[in-house]
């Protein structure tokens, strides 16, 4: 079973870049059990990427600055529940506002064949306010725990075969 861990985030937007950092660390820690990919494009670019991915288990890691997660906390999101939720119509439509969940919903709606298993992990961050490289020291200090939690969860749900 091939597991691909995709880290979503922009490395020049500070903590928004935590997804690629975590995905790379999860793949290194998992040895040959995981492949990793860093992704920093728009949700529409992600939709294109998803249509070309060949794996058995797709793991997406992204940051979440909603205030629902403490900085460095990890949540595994229920993809089926998220995709079943009603779509809210935004006040305006812009390709720049297409995020990870929007890309997954578009993929399903357009009939894009996704891998048999899709897992989404959110890592709590503080709101991003500008451009800078690297993570805040407080988030960087939590990376080991974040990676360990995701690797353990993947092993528990059978994603580390």
N, C-alpha and C. Protein backbone atom coordinates (compact mmCIF):
# COMPACT_ATOMS: atom_id res chain seq x y z
N UNK A 1 0.85 -1.18 0.00
CA UNK A 1 0.00 0.00 0.00
C UNK A 1 0.89 1.23 0.00
N UNK A 2 0.69 2.12 -0.94
CA UNK A 2 1.46 3.34 -1.03
C UNK A 2 0.71 4.46 -0.32
N UNK A 3 1.38 5.09 0.64
CA UNK A 3 0.81 6.23 1.36
C UNK A 3 1.59 7.46 0.96
N UNK A 4 0.89 8.47 0.47
CA UNK A 4 1.51 9.74 0.09
C UNK A 4 1.05 10.81 1.07
N UNK A 5 2.01 11.46 1.72
CA UNK A 5 1.73 12.53 2.66
C UNK A 5 2.01 13.85 1.95
N UNK A 6 0.95 14.64 1.75
CA UNK A 6 1.07 15.92 1.06
C UNK A 6 0.97 17.04 2.09
N UNK A 7 2.02 17.83 2.16
CA UNK A 7 2.02 18.99 3.05
C UNK A 7 1.58 20.21 2.28
N UNK A 8 0.47 20.81 2.70
CA UNK A 8 -0.09 21.97 2.03
C UNK A 8 0.31 23.22 2.81
N UNK A 9 0.87 24.19 2.12
CA UNK A 9 1.22 25.43 2.80
C UNK A 9 2.31 26.17 2.06
N UNK A 10 2.42 27.45 2.38
CA UNK A 10 3.36 28.31 1.70
C UNK A 10 4.53 28.63 2.63
N UNK A 11 5.74 28.20 2.29
CA UNK A 11 6.88 28.38 3.18
C UNK A 11 7.31 29.84 3.37
N UNK A 12 6.84 30.75 2.53
CA UNK A 12 7.19 32.16 2.75
C UNK A 12 6.08 32.92 3.48
N UNK A 13 5.10 32.18 4.00
CA UNK A 13 4.03 32.77 4.80
C UNK A 13 4.12 32.30 6.26
N UNK A 14 5.34 32.12 6.72
CA UNK A 14 5.55 31.76 8.12
C UNK A 14 4.92 30.44 8.49
N UNK A 15 4.09 30.45 9.53
CA UNK A 15 3.50 29.22 10.06
C UNK A 15 2.58 28.51 9.08
N UNK A 16 2.12 29.21 8.03
CA UNK A 16 1.32 28.55 7.00
C UNK A 16 2.12 27.44 6.34
N UNK A 17 3.43 27.50 6.41
CA UNK A 17 4.30 26.49 5.82
C UNK A 17 4.50 25.25 6.67
N UNK A 18 3.74 25.11 7.75
CA UNK A 18 3.91 23.95 8.63
C UNK A 18 3.54 22.64 7.93
N UNK A 19 2.58 22.65 7.02
CA UNK A 19 2.17 21.42 6.33
C UNK A 19 3.32 20.72 5.62
N UNK A 20 4.04 21.42 4.75
CA UNK A 20 5.18 20.78 4.08
C UNK A 20 6.27 20.32 5.05
N UNK A 21 6.53 21.09 6.09
CA UNK A 21 7.55 20.71 7.07
C UNK A 21 7.15 19.40 7.76
N UNK A 22 5.89 19.33 8.17
CA UNK A 22 5.39 18.13 8.86
C UNK A 22 5.36 16.93 7.91
N UNK A 23 4.88 17.12 6.68
CA UNK A 23 4.80 16.01 5.72
C UNK A 23 6.18 15.41 5.47
N UNK A 24 7.17 16.27 5.30
CA UNK A 24 8.54 15.79 5.08
C UNK A 24 9.04 15.02 6.29
N UNK A 25 8.78 15.52 7.49
CA UNK A 25 9.24 14.86 8.71
C UNK A 25 8.51 13.54 8.93
N UNK A 26 7.21 13.49 8.63
CA UNK A 26 6.45 12.23 8.75
C UNK A 26 7.04 11.19 7.79
N UNK A 27 7.33 11.58 6.57
CA UNK A 27 7.89 10.64 5.59
C UNK A 27 9.27 10.14 6.03
N UNK A 28 10.11 11.05 6.55
CA UNK A 28 11.43 10.63 7.03
C UNK A 28 11.29 9.66 8.20
N UNK A 29 10.39 9.97 9.11
CA UNK A 29 10.22 9.13 10.30
C UNK A 29 9.63 7.78 9.93
N UNK A 30 8.80 7.75 8.90
CA UNK A 30 8.17 6.50 8.49
C UNK A 30 9.04 5.62 7.62
N UNK A 31 10.26 6.09 7.31
CA UNK A 31 11.14 5.30 6.46
C UNK A 31 10.55 5.12 5.09
N UNK A 32 10.49 3.88 4.64
CA UNK A 32 9.97 3.62 3.29
C UNK A 32 8.46 3.41 3.28
N UNK A 33 7.78 3.67 4.41
CA UNK A 33 6.33 3.47 4.46
C UNK A 33 5.56 4.63 3.83
N UNK A 34 6.21 5.80 3.74
CA UNK A 34 5.52 6.99 3.23
C UNK A 34 6.36 7.69 2.18
N UNK A 35 5.68 8.28 1.22
CA UNK A 35 6.28 9.24 0.30
C UNK A 35 5.72 10.59 0.70
N UNK A 36 6.45 11.66 0.38
CA UNK A 36 5.93 12.99 0.72
C UNK A 36 5.99 13.91 -0.49
N UNK A 37 5.14 14.92 -0.44
CA UNK A 37 5.07 15.93 -1.47
C UNK A 37 4.74 17.24 -0.79
N UNK A 38 5.48 18.30 -1.13
CA UNK A 38 5.17 19.63 -0.63
C UNK A 38 4.33 20.34 -1.68
N UNK A 39 3.27 20.98 -1.23
CA UNK A 39 2.37 21.66 -2.16
C UNK A 39 2.10 23.07 -1.65
N UNK A 40 2.36 24.08 -2.49
CA UNK A 40 2.12 25.45 -2.05
C UNK A 40 1.30 26.26 -3.05
N UNK A 41 0.53 25.60 -3.88
CA UNK A 41 -0.30 26.30 -4.85
C UNK A 41 -1.69 26.58 -4.31
N UNK A 42 -2.56 27.00 -5.21
CA UNK A 42 -3.95 27.29 -4.84
C UNK A 42 -4.75 25.99 -4.76
N UNK A 43 -5.96 26.10 -4.25
CA UNK A 43 -6.84 24.94 -4.19
C UNK A 43 -7.14 24.37 -5.57
N UNK A 44 -7.22 25.24 -6.58
CA UNK A 44 -7.46 24.75 -7.94
C UNK A 44 -6.25 23.98 -8.46
N UNK A 45 -5.04 24.45 -8.10
CA UNK A 45 -3.84 23.71 -8.47
C UNK A 45 -3.82 22.36 -7.75
N UNK A 46 -4.28 22.35 -6.49
CA UNK A 46 -4.34 21.11 -5.73
C UNK A 46 -5.31 20.13 -6.40
N UNK A 47 -6.43 20.64 -6.89
CA UNK A 47 -7.39 19.79 -7.60
C UNK A 47 -6.71 19.11 -8.77
N UNK A 48 -5.92 19.84 -9.53
CA UNK A 48 -5.17 19.26 -10.65
C UNK A 48 -4.19 18.20 -10.14
N UNK A 49 -3.49 18.51 -9.07
CA UNK A 49 -2.53 17.57 -8.49
C UNK A 49 -3.23 16.30 -8.03
N UNK A 50 -4.39 16.45 -7.37
CA UNK A 50 -5.14 15.29 -6.88
C UNK A 50 -5.57 14.37 -8.01
N UNK A 51 -5.86 14.95 -9.18
CA UNK A 51 -6.31 14.13 -10.30
C UNK A 51 -5.18 13.28 -10.88
N UNK A 52 -3.94 13.60 -10.51
CA UNK A 52 -2.79 12.87 -11.05
C UNK A 52 -2.08 12.01 -10.02
N UNK A 53 -2.62 11.90 -8.82
CA UNK A 53 -1.97 11.16 -7.74
C UNK A 53 -2.37 9.69 -7.81
N UNK A 54 -1.37 8.83 -7.76
CA UNK A 54 -1.61 7.39 -7.73
C UNK A 54 -1.08 6.85 -6.41
N UNK A 55 -1.98 6.59 -5.48
CA UNK A 55 -1.59 6.01 -4.19
C UNK A 55 -2.83 5.34 -3.60
N UNK A 56 -2.61 4.57 -2.56
CA UNK A 56 -3.72 3.90 -1.88
C UNK A 56 -4.29 4.75 -0.75
N UNK A 57 -3.42 5.56 -0.14
CA UNK A 57 -3.83 6.39 0.98
C UNK A 57 -3.21 7.77 0.81
N UNK A 58 -4.04 8.77 0.65
CA UNK A 58 -3.60 10.15 0.54
C UNK A 58 -3.78 10.81 1.89
N UNK A 59 -2.70 11.36 2.41
CA UNK A 59 -2.72 12.06 3.70
C UNK A 59 -2.39 13.52 3.42
N UNK A 60 -3.32 14.41 3.77
CA UNK A 60 -3.12 15.84 3.57
C UNK A 60 -2.88 16.49 4.93
N UNK A 61 -1.83 17.30 5.02
CA UNK A 61 -1.51 18.02 6.26
C UNK A 61 -1.51 19.50 5.92
N UNK A 62 -2.32 20.26 6.65
CA UNK A 62 -2.45 21.69 6.40
C UNK A 62 -2.54 22.42 7.74
N UNK A 63 -2.30 23.70 7.70
CA UNK A 63 -2.42 24.52 8.90
C UNK A 63 -3.87 24.97 9.08
N UNK A 64 -4.21 25.31 10.31
CA UNK A 64 -5.55 25.81 10.61
C UNK A 64 -5.39 26.97 11.59
N UNK A 65 -5.77 28.15 11.14
CA UNK A 65 -5.63 29.36 11.97
C UNK A 65 -6.99 29.89 12.40
N UNK A 66 -7.93 29.00 12.61
CA UNK A 66 -9.30 29.42 12.93
C UNK A 66 -9.51 29.75 14.40
N UNK A 67 -8.55 29.39 15.23
CA UNK A 67 -8.72 29.56 16.67
C UNK A 67 -9.35 28.34 17.33
N UNK A 68 -9.74 27.34 16.54
CA UNK A 68 -10.34 26.12 17.09
C UNK A 68 -9.29 25.14 17.60
N UNK A 69 -8.05 25.33 17.16
CA UNK A 69 -6.95 24.48 17.62
C UNK A 69 -5.87 25.36 18.22
N UNK A 70 -5.33 24.94 19.35
CA UNK A 70 -4.20 25.65 19.92
C UNK A 70 -3.01 25.50 18.99
N UNK A 71 -2.08 26.43 19.10
CA UNK A 71 -0.86 26.37 18.29
C UNK A 71 -0.15 25.03 18.52
N UNK A 72 0.11 24.31 17.44
CA UNK A 72 0.81 23.03 17.52
C UNK A 72 -0.07 21.85 17.84
N UNK A 73 -1.37 22.08 18.06
CA UNK A 73 -2.30 20.97 18.29
C UNK A 73 -2.64 20.34 16.94
N UNK A 74 -2.97 19.05 16.96
CA UNK A 74 -3.28 18.31 15.74
C UNK A 74 -4.70 17.76 15.82
N UNK A 75 -5.42 17.84 14.71
CA UNK A 75 -6.75 17.24 14.63
C UNK A 75 -6.84 16.45 13.33
N UNK A 76 -7.32 15.20 13.44
CA UNK A 76 -7.63 14.44 12.23
C UNK A 76 -9.07 14.77 11.89
N UNK A 77 -9.29 15.27 10.70
CA UNK A 77 -10.62 15.70 10.28
C UNK A 77 -11.34 14.56 9.58
N UNK A 78 -12.63 14.45 9.82
CA UNK A 78 -13.46 13.42 9.18
C UNK A 78 -13.81 13.90 7.78
N UNK A 79 -13.11 13.37 6.80
CA UNK A 79 -13.26 13.82 5.41
C UNK A 79 -14.69 13.62 4.91
N UNK A 80 -15.28 12.47 5.19
CA UNK A 80 -16.64 12.21 4.71
C UNK A 80 -17.63 13.20 5.29
N UNK A 81 -17.50 13.51 6.57
CA UNK A 81 -18.39 14.49 7.20
C UNK A 81 -18.18 15.87 6.61
N UNK A 82 -16.93 16.24 6.37
CA UNK A 82 -16.65 17.56 5.79
C UNK A 82 -17.22 17.68 4.38
N UNK A 83 -17.08 16.61 3.61
CA UNK A 83 -17.57 16.65 2.23
C UNK A 83 -19.09 16.58 2.17
N UNK A 84 -19.72 16.01 3.19
CA UNK A 84 -21.18 15.92 3.22
C UNK A 84 -21.82 17.22 3.70
N UNK A 85 -21.03 18.09 4.34
CA UNK A 85 -21.58 19.34 4.86
C UNK A 85 -22.05 20.22 3.71
N UNK A 86 -23.12 20.97 3.93
CA UNK A 86 -23.61 21.85 2.87
C UNK A 86 -22.57 22.89 2.49
N UNK A 87 -22.55 23.21 1.23
CA UNK A 87 -21.61 24.21 0.72
C UNK A 87 -22.19 25.59 0.97
N UNK A 88 -21.40 26.43 1.64
CA UNK A 88 -21.83 27.80 1.87
C UNK A 88 -21.47 28.63 0.64
N UNK A 89 -22.39 29.43 0.18
CA UNK A 89 -22.12 30.27 -0.97
C UNK A 89 -21.42 31.54 -0.50
N UNK A 90 -20.19 31.78 -0.99
CA UNK A 90 -19.47 32.96 -0.54
C UNK A 90 -20.07 34.23 -1.13
N UNK A 91 -19.75 35.34 -0.50
CA UNK A 91 -20.23 36.62 -0.99
C UNK A 91 -19.65 36.94 -2.37
N UNK A 92 -18.46 36.44 -2.62
CA UNK A 92 -17.84 36.60 -3.94
C UNK A 92 -17.10 35.31 -4.27
N UNK A 93 -16.89 35.07 -5.53
CA UNK A 93 -16.20 33.86 -5.95
C UNK A 93 -14.84 34.27 -6.51
N UNK A 94 -13.81 33.60 -6.03
CA UNK A 94 -12.46 33.91 -6.48
C UNK A 94 -11.65 32.63 -6.45
N UNK A 95 -10.83 32.42 -7.47
CA UNK A 95 -9.97 31.24 -7.48
C UNK A 95 -8.94 31.30 -6.35
N UNK A 96 -8.67 32.49 -5.82
CA UNK A 96 -7.71 32.63 -4.72
C UNK A 96 -8.30 32.14 -3.41
N UNK A 97 -9.59 32.00 -3.33
CA UNK A 97 -10.24 31.60 -2.09
C UNK A 97 -10.55 30.11 -2.05
N UNK A 98 -10.04 29.36 -3.03
CA UNK A 98 -10.28 27.92 -3.07
C UNK A 98 -9.24 27.24 -2.19
N UNK A 99 -9.71 26.61 -1.12
CA UNK A 99 -8.81 25.95 -0.18
C UNK A 99 -8.84 24.44 -0.34
N UNK A 100 -8.24 23.77 0.62
CA UNK A 100 -8.12 22.32 0.58
C UNK A 100 -9.49 21.64 0.55
N UNK A 101 -10.38 22.03 1.44
CA UNK A 101 -11.72 21.42 1.47
C UNK A 101 -12.47 21.69 0.17
N UNK A 102 -12.36 22.91 -0.35
CA UNK A 102 -13.01 23.23 -1.63
C UNK A 102 -12.47 22.34 -2.74
N UNK A 103 -11.16 22.11 -2.74
CA UNK A 103 -10.55 21.27 -3.78
C UNK A 103 -11.09 19.84 -3.68
N UNK A 104 -11.22 19.32 -2.45
CA UNK A 104 -11.76 17.96 -2.28
C UNK A 104 -13.22 17.89 -2.74
N UNK A 105 -14.01 18.92 -2.41
CA UNK A 105 -15.41 18.93 -2.83
C UNK A 105 -15.52 19.04 -4.35
N UNK A 106 -14.68 19.88 -4.95
CA UNK A 106 -14.69 19.99 -6.41
C UNK A 106 -14.29 18.66 -7.05
N UNK A 107 -13.28 18.01 -6.48
CA UNK A 107 -12.84 16.72 -7.02
C UNK A 107 -13.99 15.73 -7.00
N UNK A 108 -14.68 15.65 -5.89
CA UNK A 108 -15.80 14.72 -5.78
C UNK A 108 -16.91 15.11 -6.77
N UNK A 109 -17.24 16.40 -6.84
CA UNK A 109 -18.31 16.87 -7.71
C UNK A 109 -18.00 16.68 -9.19
N UNK A 110 -16.72 16.78 -9.54
CA UNK A 110 -16.32 16.64 -10.94
C UNK A 110 -16.01 15.19 -11.31
N UNK A 111 -16.12 14.29 -10.35
CA UNK A 111 -15.87 12.88 -10.63
C UNK A 111 -14.40 12.53 -10.71
N UNK A 112 -13.54 13.36 -10.12
CA UNK A 112 -12.11 13.05 -10.10
C UNK A 112 -11.92 11.84 -9.18
N UNK A 113 -11.22 10.85 -9.66
CA UNK A 113 -10.98 9.65 -8.86
C UNK A 113 -9.90 9.95 -7.83
N UNK A 114 -10.32 9.91 -6.57
CA UNK A 114 -9.39 10.10 -5.47
C UNK A 114 -8.91 8.73 -4.99
N UNK A 115 -7.80 8.70 -4.27
CA UNK A 115 -7.35 7.42 -3.69
C UNK A 115 -8.43 6.82 -2.81
N UNK A 116 -8.39 5.52 -2.60
CA UNK A 116 -9.42 4.85 -1.78
C UNK A 116 -9.53 5.42 -0.37
N UNK A 117 -8.41 5.87 0.19
CA UNK A 117 -8.43 6.46 1.53
C UNK A 117 -7.84 7.85 1.48
N UNK A 118 -8.53 8.79 2.10
CA UNK A 118 -8.04 10.16 2.21
C UNK A 118 -8.14 10.56 3.68
N UNK A 119 -7.03 11.04 4.23
CA UNK A 119 -7.00 11.53 5.60
C UNK A 119 -6.53 12.97 5.58
N UNK A 120 -7.12 13.78 6.44
CA UNK A 120 -6.73 15.19 6.53
C UNK A 120 -6.38 15.51 7.98
N UNK A 121 -5.20 16.08 8.16
CA UNK A 121 -4.75 16.51 9.48
C UNK A 121 -4.57 18.03 9.45
N UNK A 122 -5.11 18.68 10.46
CA UNK A 122 -4.96 20.12 10.62
C UNK A 122 -4.00 20.35 11.78
N UNK A 123 -3.09 21.30 11.60
CA UNK A 123 -2.17 21.70 12.65
C UNK A 123 -2.50 23.14 13.02
N UNK A 124 -2.80 23.36 14.27
CA UNK A 124 -3.17 24.70 14.72
C UNK A 124 -2.00 25.67 14.64
N UNK A 125 -2.28 26.85 14.09
CA UNK A 125 -1.29 27.92 14.03
C UNK A 125 -1.95 29.23 14.44
N UNK A 126 -1.13 30.21 14.72
CA UNK A 126 -1.64 31.57 14.94
C UNK A 126 -1.95 32.18 13.57
N UNK A 127 -2.81 33.19 13.52
CA UNK A 127 -3.09 33.82 12.23
C UNK A 127 -1.80 34.34 11.57
N UNK A 128 -1.73 34.15 10.27
CA UNK A 128 -0.56 34.58 9.48
C UNK A 128 -0.78 36.02 9.06
N UNK A 129 0.23 36.85 9.30
CA UNK A 129 0.08 38.28 9.00
C UNK A 129 1.30 38.83 8.27
N UNK A 130 1.53 38.36 7.09
CA UNK A 130 2.65 38.88 6.30
C UNK A 130 3.50 37.75 5.77
N UNK A 131 4.65 38.16 5.28
CA UNK A 131 5.57 37.21 4.67
C UNK A 131 6.81 37.08 5.54
N UNK A 132 7.20 35.85 5.79
CA UNK A 132 8.47 35.55 6.44
C UNK A 132 8.74 34.06 6.27
N UNK A 133 10.00 33.72 6.21
CA UNK A 133 10.36 32.30 6.11
C UNK A 133 10.50 31.71 7.49
N UNK A 134 10.18 30.45 7.60
CA UNK A 134 10.35 29.73 8.85
C UNK A 134 9.15 29.83 9.77
N UNK A 135 9.12 28.89 10.71
CA UNK A 135 8.03 28.82 11.68
C UNK A 135 8.40 29.62 12.92
N UNK A 136 7.38 30.09 13.64
CA UNK A 136 7.63 30.73 14.93
C UNK A 136 8.33 29.72 15.83
N UNK A 137 9.22 30.19 16.69
CA UNK A 137 9.91 29.26 17.60
C UNK A 137 8.93 28.42 18.44
N UNK A 138 7.82 29.01 18.84
CA UNK A 138 6.86 28.27 19.67
C UNK A 138 6.22 27.11 18.90
N UNK A 139 5.98 27.28 17.60
CA UNK A 139 5.44 26.20 16.78
C UNK A 139 6.54 25.20 16.44
N UNK A 140 7.71 25.70 16.11
CA UNK A 140 8.85 24.84 15.79
C UNK A 140 9.16 23.89 16.95
N UNK A 141 9.01 24.38 18.18
CA UNK A 141 9.27 23.56 19.37
C UNK A 141 8.28 22.40 19.49
N UNK A 142 7.12 22.51 18.87
CA UNK A 142 6.09 21.47 18.93
C UNK A 142 6.17 20.46 17.79
N UNK A 143 7.05 20.69 16.81
CA UNK A 143 7.08 19.84 15.61
C UNK A 143 7.28 18.37 15.92
N UNK A 144 8.19 18.04 16.82
CA UNK A 144 8.42 16.64 17.16
C UNK A 144 7.16 15.96 17.65
N UNK A 145 6.41 16.65 18.50
CA UNK A 145 5.16 16.09 19.03
C UNK A 145 4.10 15.98 17.94
N UNK A 146 4.04 16.97 17.06
CA UNK A 146 3.07 16.95 15.95
C UNK A 146 3.33 15.75 15.05
N UNK A 147 4.59 15.57 14.66
CA UNK A 147 4.96 14.46 13.78
C UNK A 147 4.68 13.13 14.46
N UNK A 148 5.07 13.00 15.71
CA UNK A 148 4.84 11.75 16.45
C UNK A 148 3.35 11.42 16.53
N UNK A 149 2.53 12.44 16.76
CA UNK A 149 1.08 12.22 16.86
C UNK A 149 0.50 11.74 15.53
N UNK A 150 0.92 12.34 14.43
CA UNK A 150 0.40 11.95 13.12
C UNK A 150 0.88 10.55 12.75
N UNK A 151 2.15 10.24 12.98
CA UNK A 151 2.67 8.91 12.67
C UNK A 151 1.94 7.85 13.50
N UNK A 152 1.74 8.13 14.78
CA UNK A 152 1.02 7.17 15.65
C UNK A 152 -0.41 6.99 15.19
N UNK A 153 -1.06 8.08 14.80
CA UNK A 153 -2.45 7.98 14.35
C UNK A 153 -2.54 7.20 13.05
N UNK A 154 -1.61 7.45 12.14
CA UNK A 154 -1.61 6.70 10.87
C UNK A 154 -1.39 5.21 11.13
N UNK A 155 -0.53 4.88 12.08
CA UNK A 155 -0.30 3.47 12.41
C UNK A 155 -1.58 2.86 13.01
N UNK A 156 -2.28 3.63 13.84
CA UNK A 156 -3.49 3.13 14.49
C UNK A 156 -4.63 2.90 13.50
N UNK A 157 -4.69 3.73 12.44
CA UNK A 157 -5.77 3.58 11.46
C UNK A 157 -5.33 2.76 10.24
N UNK A 158 -4.13 2.18 10.32
CA UNK A 158 -3.67 1.32 9.24
C UNK A 158 -3.04 2.04 8.09
N UNK A 159 -2.60 3.29 8.29
CA UNK A 159 -2.00 4.04 7.19
C UNK A 159 -0.52 3.87 7.08
N UNK A 160 0.05 3.03 7.91
CA UNK A 160 1.50 2.87 7.88
C UNK A 160 1.91 1.48 7.47
N UNK A 161 1.14 0.89 6.59
CA UNK A 161 1.44 -0.48 6.16
C UNK A 161 2.66 -0.52 5.29
